[in-house]
Amino acid sequence: MLRNIFLILVLVLICSSTNAQELNAKVNVVYAQIGTTVDKKVFQTLQTSLVNFLNKRKWASDVFESNERVDCSFLLNLQSVVEPNVYKGTLTIQAARPIHGTNYLSPLVNFIDNEITFRYVEFQPIEFNENRVSGTEPLSANLSALFAFYVNIILGMDYDSFSPRGGDPFFQKATLIASTSPEGRNIAGWKPFDGQRNRYWLSENLQNSRYALLHDAVYTYYRQGMDQMIVREQDAREQVLNGLSMLNTIASETPNLMFMPFFFQGKTDEIIRLFKKGTIQEKARVVDLCSRIDISNSSKYREELK
């Protein structure tokens, strides 16, 4: 009897491990700006549906253990009703990955998308088909396309941080979503003419062979730098500097590249904490590099790393 129970438990553990998905995603739908004419239960249902969509769908071919899931969160801030059942707002995307040998989570993605418009009717299924991203109704399909796009960006950044060019398959999927995205009135952020800081340019930067060095920079910063901090702190800081130097090389050749503010959003404090214990020479190098590529925070680097 005990042997049978043991075998059942083993099978349950094997099945749960095999079925473990890639994300540990949290979703928060904020609707304070939406008037009283809309039943607020709609947004609670939407939140639950999005959580299920993100966490229960299989996004990658690899098998993830439960403790390997990527921690991420999505804040959907609804600001207005464009027409019945059509909402406009912003989406904040955050993701982090653990640093080897520590309890610290290093930011991977910290980005706000200001071009969010979609149609949602309570209890409508959130469906996504890679072969037909635009779906049957553009505004409804835009909801799943948006989240699927950022899931692939998150997974791409995560894979890139663990292996050289590991994120390529996910960046390719993100680019495919952007190129076959829903089209229609009120839908924006997918095209090059929609602005300089949108989904199109993010996926373009991550797929353009001219900027291949940025993938090496991500791998060097995380895997060869941050992950070695416990065992070889001095070498680890040098590798982080190497990663920053690679980014500076790209930024020098192509100013105003979208990837730069995308990468550094949420990174400034981490870099400053990391080099507080660095040598005078390391601090000077960080200030020099980051003042060029993380321009909005240049004064903070100078002040904190005197």
Protein backbone atom coordinates (compact mmCIF):
# COMPACT_ATOMS: atom_id res chain seq x y z
CA MET A 1 0.00 0.00 0.00
CA LEU A 2 2.75 2.46 0.97
CA ARG A 3 4.66 1.52 -2.17
CA ASN A 4 1.62 2.33 -4.32
CA ILE A 5 1.17 5.71 -2.63
CA PHE A 6 4.84 6.47 -3.20
CA LEU A 7 4.57 5.62 -6.90
CA ILE A 8 1.49 7.84 -7.25
CA LEU A 9 3.32 10.74 -5.63
CA VAL A 10 6.29 10.26 -7.94
CA LEU A 11 4.01 10.27 -10.98
CA VAL A 12 2.26 13.42 -9.76
CA LEU A 13 5.61 15.17 -9.30
CA ILE A 14 6.80 14.09 -12.74
CA CYS A 15 3.59 15.29 -14.40
CA SER A 16 3.57 18.60 -12.58
CA SER A 17 7.21 19.17 -13.54
CA THR A 18 6.54 18.30 -17.17
CA ASN A 19 3.54 20.60 -17.35
CA ALA A 20 5.19 23.49 -15.54
CA GLN A 21 4.96 26.57 -17.73
CA GLU A 22 7.50 29.31 -18.25
CA LEU A 23 6.01 32.27 -16.43
CA ASN A 24 5.16 33.24 -12.91
CA ALA A 25 3.08 36.18 -14.09
CA LYS A 26 0.98 38.58 -12.07
CA VAL A 27 -1.56 40.91 -13.65
CA ASN A 28 -3.18 43.95 -12.11
CA VAL A 29 -5.95 45.71 -14.02
CA VAL A 30 -6.49 49.26 -12.74
CA TYR A 31 -9.74 50.94 -13.75
CA ALA A 32 -10.14 53.90 -11.39
CA GLN A 33 -10.42 56.30 -14.33
CA ILE A 34 -13.25 54.38 -15.95
CA GLY A 35 -16.67 55.87 -15.24
CA THR A 36 -19.56 54.26 -13.38
CA THR A 37 -21.37 53.31 -16.58
CA VAL A 38 -19.19 50.19 -16.87
CA ASP A 39 -19.71 47.24 -14.53
CA LYS A 40 -16.39 46.87 -12.72
CA LYS A 41 -16.76 43.09 -12.56
CA VAL A 42 -15.73 43.09 -16.21
CA PHE A 43 -12.22 44.16 -15.23
CA GLN A 44 -11.92 41.57 -12.48
CA THR A 45 -12.86 38.89 -15.03
CA LEU A 46 -10.36 40.38 -17.48
CA GLN A 47 -7.60 40.22 -14.87
CA THR A 48 -8.28 36.57 -14.10
CA SER A 49 -8.42 35.69 -17.79
CA LEU A 50 -5.08 37.39 -18.46
CA VAL A 51 -3.41 35.58 -15.55
CA ASN A 52 -4.63 32.26 -16.94
CA PHE A 53 -3.62 33.19 -20.48
CA LEU A 54 -0.07 34.03 -19.40
CA ASN A 55 0.58 31.27 -16.89
CA LYS A 56 -1.23 28.31 -18.43
CA ARG A 57 -0.14 28.69 -22.03
CA LYS A 58 3.04 26.94 -23.22
CA TRP A 59 5.32 29.63 -24.64
CA ALA A 60 8.56 27.69 -25.16
CA SER A 61 9.63 24.20 -26.17
CA ASP A 62 11.88 23.77 -23.11
CA VAL A 63 10.56 22.25 -19.90
CA PHE A 64 10.71 24.65 -16.95
CA GLU A 65 10.79 23.52 -13.33
CA SER A 66 8.52 25.50 -11.02
CA ASN A 67 11.50 27.33 -9.51
CA GLU A 68 12.75 28.26 -12.99
CA ARG A 69 9.70 30.23 -14.01
CA VAL A 70 10.36 33.81 -15.00
CA ASP A 71 8.94 36.31 -12.51
CA CYS A 72 7.04 39.04 -14.31
CA SER A 73 4.17 41.43 -13.77
CA PHE A 74 1.82 43.42 -15.96
CA LEU A 75 -0.01 46.54 -14.81
CA LEU A 76 -2.84 47.37 -17.20
CA ASN A 77 -3.98 50.90 -16.39
CA LEU A 78 -7.26 51.64 -18.18
CA GLN A 79 -7.77 55.36 -18.75
CA SER A 80 -10.79 55.77 -21.00
CA VAL A 81 -13.60 54.07 -22.90
CA VAL A 82 -13.16 54.74 -26.60
CA GLU A 83 -16.50 53.14 -27.48
CA PRO A 84 -18.61 50.43 -25.86
CA ASN A 85 -16.31 47.58 -24.74
CA VAL A 86 -13.22 49.28 -26.21
CA TYR A 87 -10.66 50.55 -23.71
CA LYS A 88 -7.53 52.68 -23.95
CA GLY A 89 -4.71 52.83 -21.43
CA THR A 90 -1.12 51.93 -20.66
CA LEU A 91 0.69 48.68 -19.90
CA THR A 92 3.65 48.46 -17.53
CA ILE A 93 5.76 45.35 -18.09
CA GLN A 94 8.28 44.21 -15.50
CA ALA A 95 10.38 41.08 -15.32
CA ALA A 96 13.39 39.95 -13.31
CA ARG A 97 15.73 37.00 -13.09
CA PRO A 98 17.53 35.58 -10.03
CA ILE A 99 21.26 36.14 -9.61
CA HIS A 100 23.18 32.94 -8.96
CA GLY A 101 23.86 32.18 -5.31
CA THR A 102 21.70 35.03 -3.99
CA ASN A 103 18.09 35.95 -3.27
CA TYR A 104 18.45 39.04 -5.44
CA LEU A 105 16.28 39.51 -8.53
CA SER A 106 17.91 41.61 -11.22
CA PRO A 107 15.59 43.62 -13.52
CA LEU A 108 15.27 42.25 -17.05
CA VAL A 109 12.42 44.39 -18.35
CA ASN A 110 10.88 47.55 -16.93
CA PHE A 111 8.91 49.26 -19.66
CA ILE A 112 5.71 51.26 -20.12
CA ASP A 113 3.73 50.94 -23.34
CA ASN A 114 1.47 53.97 -23.76
CA GLU A 115 -0.37 52.75 -26.86
CA ILE A 116 -2.79 50.18 -25.50
CA THR A 117 -6.24 49.88 -27.07
CA PHE A 118 -8.38 46.75 -27.20
CA ARG A 119 -11.91 45.38 -27.16
CA TYR A 120 -13.02 43.14 -24.30
CA VAL A 121 -16.46 41.77 -23.52
CA GLU A 122 -16.81 39.96 -20.20
CA PHE A 123 -16.08 36.22 -20.44
CA GLN A 124 -14.79 36.49 -24.01
CA PRO A 125 -11.92 34.00 -24.34
CA ILE A 126 -8.45 35.47 -24.76
CA GLU A 127 -7.06 33.53 -27.69
CA PHE A 128 -3.80 33.77 -29.57
CA ASN A 129 -2.75 32.01 -32.76
CA GLU A 130 0.83 32.58 -33.94
CA ASN A 131 -0.28 31.82 -37.48
CA ARG A 132 -3.10 34.34 -37.39
CA VAL A 133 -2.12 37.11 -35.00
CA SER A 134 -4.69 39.54 -36.38
CA GLY A 135 -7.54 37.18 -35.48
CA THR A 136 -11.09 37.70 -36.72
CA GLU A 137 -11.63 41.10 -35.09
CA PRO A 138 -8.64 43.46 -34.83
CA LEU A 139 -9.40 45.26 -31.56
CA SER A 140 -10.14 41.99 -29.75
CA ALA A 141 -7.06 40.33 -31.21
CA ASN A 142 -4.93 43.30 -30.19
CA LEU A 143 -5.26 42.35 -26.52
CA SER A 144 -3.73 38.89 -26.90
CA ALA A 145 -1.17 40.14 -29.45
CA LEU A 146 0.09 42.77 -27.00
CA PHE A 147 0.61 40.31 -24.18
CA ALA A 148 2.08 37.61 -26.44
CA PHE A 149 4.54 40.16 -27.84
CA TYR A 150 5.83 41.15 -24.42
CA VAL A 151 5.96 37.54 -23.20
CA ASN A 152 8.34 36.77 -26.06
CA ILE A 153 10.41 39.87 -25.29
CA ILE A 154 10.66 38.79 -21.64
CA LEU A 155 11.60 35.21 -22.50
CA GLY A 156 14.08 36.43 -25.10
CA MET A 157 15.81 38.68 -22.59
CA ASP A 158 15.84 35.86 -20.02
CA TYR A 159 17.34 33.33 -22.45
CA ASP A 160 19.87 35.89 -23.72
CA SER A 161 21.00 36.46 -20.13
CA PHE A 162 21.80 32.75 -19.67
CA SER A 163 23.29 31.74 -23.03
CA PRO A 164 24.82 33.56 -26.02
CA ARG A 165 22.03 34.50 -28.44
CA GLY A 166 19.70 32.19 -26.54
CA GLY A 167 16.78 34.59 -26.95
CA ASP A 168 16.79 34.62 -30.76
CA PRO A 169 13.76 32.32 -31.25
CA PHE A 170 11.64 34.52 -28.98
CA PHE A 171 12.75 37.77 -30.59
CA GLN A 172 11.86 36.23 -33.95
CA LYS A 173 8.38 35.46 -32.64
CA ALA A 174 8.02 38.99 -31.29
CA THR A 175 9.02 40.38 -34.68
CA LEU A 176 6.49 38.12 -36.40
CA ILE A 177 3.76 39.34 -34.06
CA ALA A 178 4.69 42.96 -34.79
CA SER A 179 4.75 42.42 -38.56
CA THR A 180 1.41 40.57 -38.65
CA SER A 181 -0.27 42.57 -35.89
CA PRO A 182 -3.92 43.64 -35.96
CA GLU A 183 -4.62 46.77 -37.94
CA GLY A 184 -7.45 49.22 -37.56
CA ARG A 185 -8.67 52.48 -36.16
CA ASN A 186 -7.25 53.26 -32.69
CA ILE A 187 -4.60 50.51 -32.94
CA ALA A 188 -1.06 51.92 -32.67
CA GLY A 189 2.46 50.99 -31.63
CA TRP A 190 3.11 48.26 -34.18
CA LYS A 191 4.38 50.36 -37.08
CA PRO A 192 7.61 52.35 -37.62
CA PHE A 193 5.64 55.54 -38.19
CA ASP A 194 3.80 55.17 -34.86
CA GLY A 195 6.75 56.72 -33.00
CA GLN A 196 10.39 56.14 -32.10
CA ARG A 197 9.77 54.15 -28.93
CA ASN A 198 7.27 51.43 -29.72
CA ARG A 199 6.93 47.68 -30.27
CA TYR A 200 8.11 47.85 -33.85
CA TRP A 201 11.41 49.50 -32.96
CA LEU A 202 11.99 47.28 -29.95
CA SER A 203 11.67 44.08 -31.97
CA GLU A 204 13.61 45.66 -34.85
CA ASN A 205 16.54 46.48 -32.56
CA LEU A 206 16.54 42.95 -31.17
CA GLN A 207 16.49 41.34 -34.63
CA ASN A 208 18.72 43.69 -36.64
CA SER A 209 22.09 42.09 -37.34
CA ARG A 210 23.72 45.54 -37.10
CA TYR A 211 23.04 45.46 -33.36
CA ALA A 212 24.10 41.85 -32.72
CA LEU A 213 26.56 43.07 -30.09
CA LEU A 214 23.73 44.04 -27.76
CA HIS A 215 22.93 40.35 -27.26
CA ASP A 216 26.55 39.74 -26.26
CA ALA A 217 26.24 42.69 -23.89
CA VAL A 218 23.19 41.20 -22.18
CA TYR A 219 24.89 37.81 -21.77
CA THR A 220 28.12 39.38 -20.51
CA TYR A 221 26.32 41.68 -18.06
CA TYR A 222 24.22 38.92 -16.47
CA ARG A 223 25.89 35.55 -16.90
CA GLN A 224 29.55 36.51 -16.85
CA GLY A 225 29.06 39.49 -14.57
CA MET A 226 26.15 39.46 -12.14
CA ASP A 227 26.04 35.66 -11.74
CA GLN A 228 29.71 35.59 -10.71
CA MET A 229 29.41 38.30 -8.08
CA ILE A 230 29.40 35.91 -5.11
CA VAL A 231 32.44 33.86 -6.13
CA ARG A 232 34.58 36.40 -8.06
CA GLU A 233 33.42 39.90 -7.23
CA GLN A 234 36.29 41.79 -8.83
CA ASP A 235 36.13 39.80 -12.06
CA ALA A 236 32.35 40.06 -12.07
CA ARG A 237 32.46 43.86 -11.92
CA GLU A 238 34.93 43.86 -14.80
CA GLN A 239 32.55 41.74 -16.88
CA VAL A 240 29.64 44.07 -16.12
CA LEU A 241 31.86 46.91 -17.33
CA ASN A 242 32.61 44.92 -20.48
CA GLY A 243 28.88 44.53 -21.08
CA LEU A 244 28.35 48.27 -20.62
CA SER A 245 31.25 48.97 -22.95
CA MET A 246 29.61 46.85 -25.66
CA LEU A 247 26.41 48.84 -25.30
CA ASN A 248 28.40 52.05 -25.55
CA THR A 249 29.95 50.82 -28.80
CA ILE A 250 26.49 50.30 -30.31
CA ALA A 251 25.19 53.60 -28.95
CA SER A 252 28.16 55.46 -30.42
CA GLU A 253 27.50 53.99 -33.85
CA THR A 254 23.70 54.40 -33.69
CA PRO A 255 22.53 57.16 -31.32
CA ASN A 256 18.98 57.15 -29.95
CA LEU A 257 18.55 53.41 -30.34
CA MET A 258 15.39 52.35 -28.50
CA PHE A 259 17.08 49.39 -26.82
CA MET A 260 19.29 51.63 -24.68
CA PRO A 261 16.59 53.26 -22.53
CA PHE A 262 14.72 49.93 -22.61
CA PHE A 263 17.73 48.16 -21.08
CA PHE A 264 18.62 50.82 -18.53
CA GLN A 265 15.09 51.39 -17.22
CA GLY A 266 15.37 49.93 -13.71
CA LYS A 267 19.11 49.29 -14.04
CA THR A 268 20.57 52.59 -12.79
CA ASP A 269 20.28 51.84 -9.07
CA GLU A 270 21.59 48.30 -9.58
CA ILE A 271 24.70 49.54 -11.37
CA ILE A 272 25.35 52.21 -8.76
CA ARG A 273 25.01 49.72 -5.87
CA LEU A 274 27.29 47.31 -7.69
CA PHE A 275 30.11 49.82 -8.11
CA LYS A 276 29.83 51.56 -4.75
CA LYS A 277 32.48 49.07 -3.61
CA GLY A 278 34.49 49.37 -6.81
CA THR A 279 37.85 50.97 -7.28
CA ILE A 280 38.27 54.64 -8.19
CA GLN A 281 39.14 53.56 -11.72
CA GLU A 282 36.04 51.36 -12.01
CA LYS A 283 33.77 54.12 -10.75
CA ALA A 284 35.27 56.58 -13.21
CA ARG A 285 34.73 54.14 -16.07
CA VAL A 286 31.12 53.49 -15.07
CA VAL A 287 30.39 57.20 -14.88
CA ASP A 288 31.98 57.74 -18.28
CA LEU A 289 30.11 54.88 -19.98
CA CYS A 290 26.72 55.31 -18.36
CA SER A 291 26.72 59.09 -18.79
CA ARG A 292 26.81 58.45 -22.53
CA ILE A 293 24.29 55.62 -22.83
CA ASP A 294 21.97 56.28 -19.86
CA ILE A 295 21.93 60.02 -20.40
CA SER A 296 18.84 60.81 -18.33
CA ASN A 297 20.60 59.46 -15.23
CA SER A 298 24.10 60.84 -15.91
CA SER A 299 23.99 63.26 -12.97
CA LYS A 300 22.95 60.43 -10.64
CA TYR A 301 25.97 58.34 -11.63
CA ARG A 302 28.28 61.28 -11.06
CA GLU A 303 26.76 62.10 -7.70
CA GLU A 304 26.56 58.57 -6.32
CA LEU A 305 29.92 57.30 -7.62
CA LYS A 306 32.17 60.19 -6.59
